[in-house]
Amino acid sequence: MSDPQLSQVYNQTVVERLDGIVFWEGGITSAEDFIAFCKRKNIVMTFMFLGGQVVGYSWLGGISGNYAFGHFCLFRSIWGKKTKQIGKMVLDYWMGFESNNGFPLFDVIVGVMPKFNVRAHAFAAAIGLTKLGTIPGMFRNTKRDRDDAVIYYLSRTGHG
């Protein structure tokens, strides 16, 4: 996507008041931050479209070996409508990545989210992630407020 398109996606995130949830820790506070983030070599961005319109985005980060950390932001216009279908499609897309030797690149996708984000927890469960547990006080926002981190995962092997 072009810089103006990325800026528009970020601005939609702000208009829908999702920026303070998705970027709760304060690492991305402007369109310029978002554009730079999307262009990082260690981030794999995925944009979701419906009827030619961007309805959300997701990304993989913390990629190491056969696992990565997945993140989602879905715009309010599709909440409760296509969210489950879109989320599963993104997971299938990520799990379909192949390494140079033709084997699956990822065996595990990990999701880590603040405890307060109950919609994210419901979404994670709906798209097939398994709740693993909680790390007390892991997250801290710019106001130094803390929240527990809840860990979810999707494993290719199905083993917990």
Protein backbone atom coordinates (compact mmCIF):
# COMPACT_ATOMS: atom_id res chain seq x y z
CA MET A 1 0.00 0.00 0.00
CA SER A 2 1.13 3.55 -0.65
CA ASP A 3 1.95 5.96 2.17
CA PRO A 4 -1.30 7.93 1.62
CA GLN A 5 -3.30 4.67 1.78
CA LEU A 6 -1.51 3.61 4.97
CA SER A 7 -2.16 7.04 6.43
CA GLN A 8 -5.86 6.68 5.57
CA VAL A 9 -5.96 3.25 7.29
CA TYR A 10 -4.37 4.70 10.42
CA ASN A 11 -6.74 7.69 10.36
CA GLN A 12 -9.70 5.29 10.18
CA THR A 13 -8.27 3.51 13.23
CA VAL A 14 -8.28 6.86 15.07
CA VAL A 15 -11.75 7.89 13.85
CA GLU A 16 -13.13 4.59 15.17
CA ARG A 17 -11.29 5.14 18.47
CA LEU A 18 -9.42 1.86 18.07
CA ASP A 19 -5.92 3.34 18.24
CA GLY A 20 -5.98 3.51 22.04
CA ILE A 21 -6.92 -0.17 22.16
CA VAL A 22 -4.78 -1.64 19.38
CA PHE A 23 -1.75 0.50 20.28
CA TRP A 24 -2.51 0.67 24.01
CA GLU A 25 1.16 0.77 24.99
CA GLY A 26 1.63 3.96 22.98
CA GLY A 27 4.20 2.84 20.42
CA ILE A 28 2.20 4.18 17.49
CA THR A 29 0.67 7.61 17.95
CA SER A 30 0.57 9.08 14.44
CA ALA A 31 0.11 8.16 10.80
CA GLU A 32 3.85 8.59 10.33
CA ASP A 33 4.54 6.08 13.12
CA PHE A 34 2.08 3.64 11.53
CA ILE A 35 3.63 3.99 8.07
CA ALA A 36 7.12 3.39 9.46
CA PHE A 37 5.83 0.40 11.44
CA CYS A 38 4.20 -1.15 8.36
CA LYS A 39 7.49 -0.88 6.47
CA ARG A 40 9.65 -2.62 9.08
CA LYS A 41 11.44 -5.66 7.69
CA ASN A 42 10.44 -7.76 10.72
CA ILE A 43 6.69 -7.04 10.35
CA VAL A 44 4.37 -8.86 7.94
CA MET A 45 1.30 -6.67 7.32
CA THR A 46 -1.98 -8.07 6.03
CA PHE A 47 -4.89 -5.84 5.00
CA MET A 48 -8.45 -7.11 4.89
CA PHE A 49 -10.83 -5.88 2.20
CA LEU A 50 -14.56 -6.23 1.75
CA GLY A 51 -16.23 -4.72 -1.29
CA GLY A 52 -13.01 -2.92 -2.21
CA GLN A 53 -12.80 -1.18 1.17
CA VAL A 54 -10.20 -1.83 3.86
CA VAL A 55 -12.10 -3.26 6.83
CA GLY A 56 -9.08 -4.05 8.98
CA TYR A 57 -5.48 -5.05 9.15
CA SER A 58 -3.31 -7.53 10.95
CA TRP A 59 0.35 -8.19 11.30
CA LEU A 60 2.87 -10.78 12.33
CA GLY A 61 5.77 -9.70 14.50
CA GLY A 62 8.25 -11.34 16.81
CA ILE A 63 8.98 -13.90 14.11
CA SER A 64 11.42 -16.55 15.31
CA GLY A 65 11.93 -20.07 14.06
CA ASN A 66 8.54 -21.64 13.42
CA TYR A 67 6.35 -19.16 15.30
CA ALA A 68 5.20 -15.56 15.19
CA PHE A 69 2.99 -13.20 17.18
CA GLY A 70 -0.25 -12.22 15.45
CA HIS A 71 -2.17 -8.96 15.91
CA PHE A 72 -5.53 -7.79 14.53
CA CYS A 73 -7.46 -4.56 14.10
CA LEU A 74 -10.90 -4.89 12.54
CA PHE A 75 -12.98 -1.80 11.89
CA ARG A 76 -16.33 -1.40 13.60
CA SER A 77 -18.26 -1.59 10.33
CA ILE A 78 -17.79 -5.37 10.23
CA TRP A 79 -17.89 -6.21 13.92
CA GLY A 80 -20.14 -9.19 14.45
CA LYS A 81 -20.71 -9.63 10.72
CA LYS A 82 -17.69 -11.02 8.93
CA THR A 83 -15.10 -10.86 11.72
CA LYS A 84 -14.91 -14.60 12.37
CA GLN A 85 -14.69 -15.45 8.66
CA ILE A 86 -12.05 -12.78 8.00
CA GLY A 87 -10.01 -13.76 11.08
CA LYS A 88 -9.95 -17.41 10.05
CA MET A 89 -8.96 -16.44 6.51
CA VAL A 90 -6.02 -14.43 7.83
CA LEU A 91 -4.89 -17.31 10.07
CA ASP A 92 -5.15 -19.74 7.12
CA TYR A 93 -3.15 -17.30 5.01
CA TRP A 94 -0.40 -17.01 7.62
CA MET A 95 -0.31 -20.77 8.27
CA GLY A 96 -0.03 -21.29 4.50
CA PHE A 97 3.31 -19.48 4.27
CA GLU A 98 6.05 -21.86 3.13
CA SER A 99 9.77 -21.82 3.80
CA ASN A 100 12.30 -22.05 0.98
CA ASN A 101 12.28 -25.86 1.24
CA GLY A 102 8.49 -26.05 0.83
CA PHE A 103 7.65 -26.84 4.46
CA PRO A 104 5.22 -24.71 6.46
CA LEU A 105 6.95 -21.59 7.76
CA PHE A 106 4.85 -21.30 10.92
CA ASP A 107 3.64 -24.02 13.24
CA VAL A 108 2.38 -21.65 15.92
CA ILE A 109 0.74 -18.21 15.95
CA VAL A 110 0.71 -16.57 19.39
CA GLY A 111 -1.68 -13.83 20.47
CA VAL A 112 -0.97 -11.68 23.52
CA MET A 113 -3.57 -9.11 24.51
CA PRO A 114 -4.47 -6.96 27.50
CA LYS A 115 -7.03 -8.46 29.83
CA PHE A 116 -9.32 -5.41 29.48
CA ASN A 117 -9.85 -6.09 25.76
CA VAL A 118 -12.77 -8.51 26.12
CA ARG A 119 -13.76 -8.16 22.44
CA ALA A 120 -10.30 -9.34 21.42
CA HIS A 121 -10.63 -12.35 23.71
CA ALA A 122 -13.98 -13.28 22.17
CA PHE A 123 -12.50 -12.82 18.67
CA ALA A 124 -9.46 -14.99 19.48
CA ALA A 125 -11.69 -17.79 20.75
CA ALA A 126 -14.07 -17.47 17.77
CA ILE A 127 -11.28 -17.89 15.21
CA GLY A 128 -9.92 -20.98 16.92
CA LEU A 129 -7.14 -19.80 19.21
CA THR A 130 -6.67 -21.60 22.53
CA LYS A 131 -6.34 -19.59 25.74
CA LEU A 132 -3.15 -20.54 27.53
CA GLY A 133 -2.98 -18.29 30.58
CA THR A 134 -2.26 -14.87 32.04
CA ILE A 135 0.88 -12.93 32.88
CA PRO A 136 0.03 -10.44 35.66
CA GLY A 137 0.90 -6.79 35.00
CA MET A 138 2.82 -7.42 31.77
CA PHE A 139 1.41 -4.47 29.82
CA ARG A 140 1.99 -0.83 30.71
CA ASN A 141 0.58 2.10 28.78
CA THR A 142 1.99 5.62 28.44
CA LYS A 143 0.23 6.66 31.67
CA ARG A 144 2.04 3.78 33.36
CA ASP A 145 -1.27 1.97 33.93
CA ARG A 146 -0.77 -1.79 34.00
CA ASP A 147 -2.91 -4.66 32.78
CA ASP A 148 -2.50 -8.39 32.68
CA ALA A 149 -1.54 -10.08 29.40
CA VAL A 150 -3.68 -13.00 28.27
CA ILE A 151 -1.92 -15.51 26.01
CA TYR A 152 -3.63 -17.37 23.16
CA TYR A 153 -2.17 -19.64 20.49
CA LEU A 154 -2.95 -21.59 17.36
CA SER A 155 -0.80 -24.66 16.79
CA ARG A 156 -0.52 -26.62 13.59
CA THR A 157 -0.05 -29.82 15.58
CA GLY A 158 -2.99 -29.16 17.87
CA HIS A 159 -0.92 -30.07 20.91
CA GLY A 160 -1.11 -27.77 23.92
